[in-house]
């Protein structure tokens, strides 16, 4: 039932958070400043 509330259609997994952390710690995010990375599958946008 909770899954139906998520726009992406699934519950987040620990790897979803880990991937966000790895992105922020990598050179790929070297030009990113003052941004919020909301990892919630679109839950707060709905």
Protein backbone atom coordinates (compact mmCIF):
# COMPACT_ATOMS: atom_id res chain seq x y z
CA UNK A 1 0.00 0.00 0.00
CA UNK A 2 2.84 2.40 0.85
CA UNK A 3 4.45 1.70 -2.52
CA UNK A 4 1.38 3.10 -4.28
CA UNK A 5 2.06 6.51 -2.68
CA UNK A 6 5.43 6.85 -4.42
CA UNK A 7 5.38 8.41 -7.89
CA UNK A 8 8.36 6.29 -8.93
CA UNK A 9 6.41 3.13 -8.02
CA UNK A 10 8.76 1.52 -5.52
CA UNK A 11 10.17 1.91 -2.03
CA UNK A 12 13.70 3.29 -1.77
CA UNK A 13 16.58 0.97 -1.09
CA UNK A 14 19.80 1.69 0.84
CA UNK A 15 21.68 1.73 -2.47
CA UNK A 16 19.57 4.69 -3.59
CA UNK A 17 20.99 6.76 -0.73
CA UNK A 18 24.47 5.32 -1.22
CA UNK A 19 24.48 6.33 -4.88
CA UNK A 20 23.60 9.91 -3.93
CA UNK A 21 26.43 10.02 -1.40
CA UNK A 22 28.87 8.57 -3.91
CA UNK A 23 27.83 11.19 -6.45
CA UNK A 24 28.42 14.04 -4.00
CA UNK A 25 31.79 12.58 -3.01
CA UNK A 26 32.90 12.11 -6.62
CA UNK A 27 34.50 14.43 -9.14
CA UNK A 28 31.20 14.33 -11.07
CA UNK A 29 29.75 16.80 -8.56
CA UNK A 30 32.80 19.11 -8.47
CA UNK A 31 30.85 22.02 -9.97
CA UNK A 32 27.76 21.56 -7.78
CA UNK A 33 27.30 24.16 -5.04
CA UNK A 34 24.50 24.89 -2.59
CA UNK A 35 22.10 22.22 -3.79
CA UNK A 36 19.78 19.87 -1.96
CA UNK A 37 19.76 16.32 -3.18
CA UNK A 38 16.38 14.94 -2.22
CA UNK A 39 16.39 11.17 -2.55
CA UNK A 40 12.80 10.16 -1.95
CA UNK A 41 11.49 8.80 -5.26
CA UNK A 42 9.37 11.90 -5.82
CA UNK A 43 7.39 11.41 -2.61
CA UNK A 44 7.63 15.05 -1.48
CA UNK A 45 6.90 16.35 -4.99
CA UNK A 46 3.56 14.58 -5.24
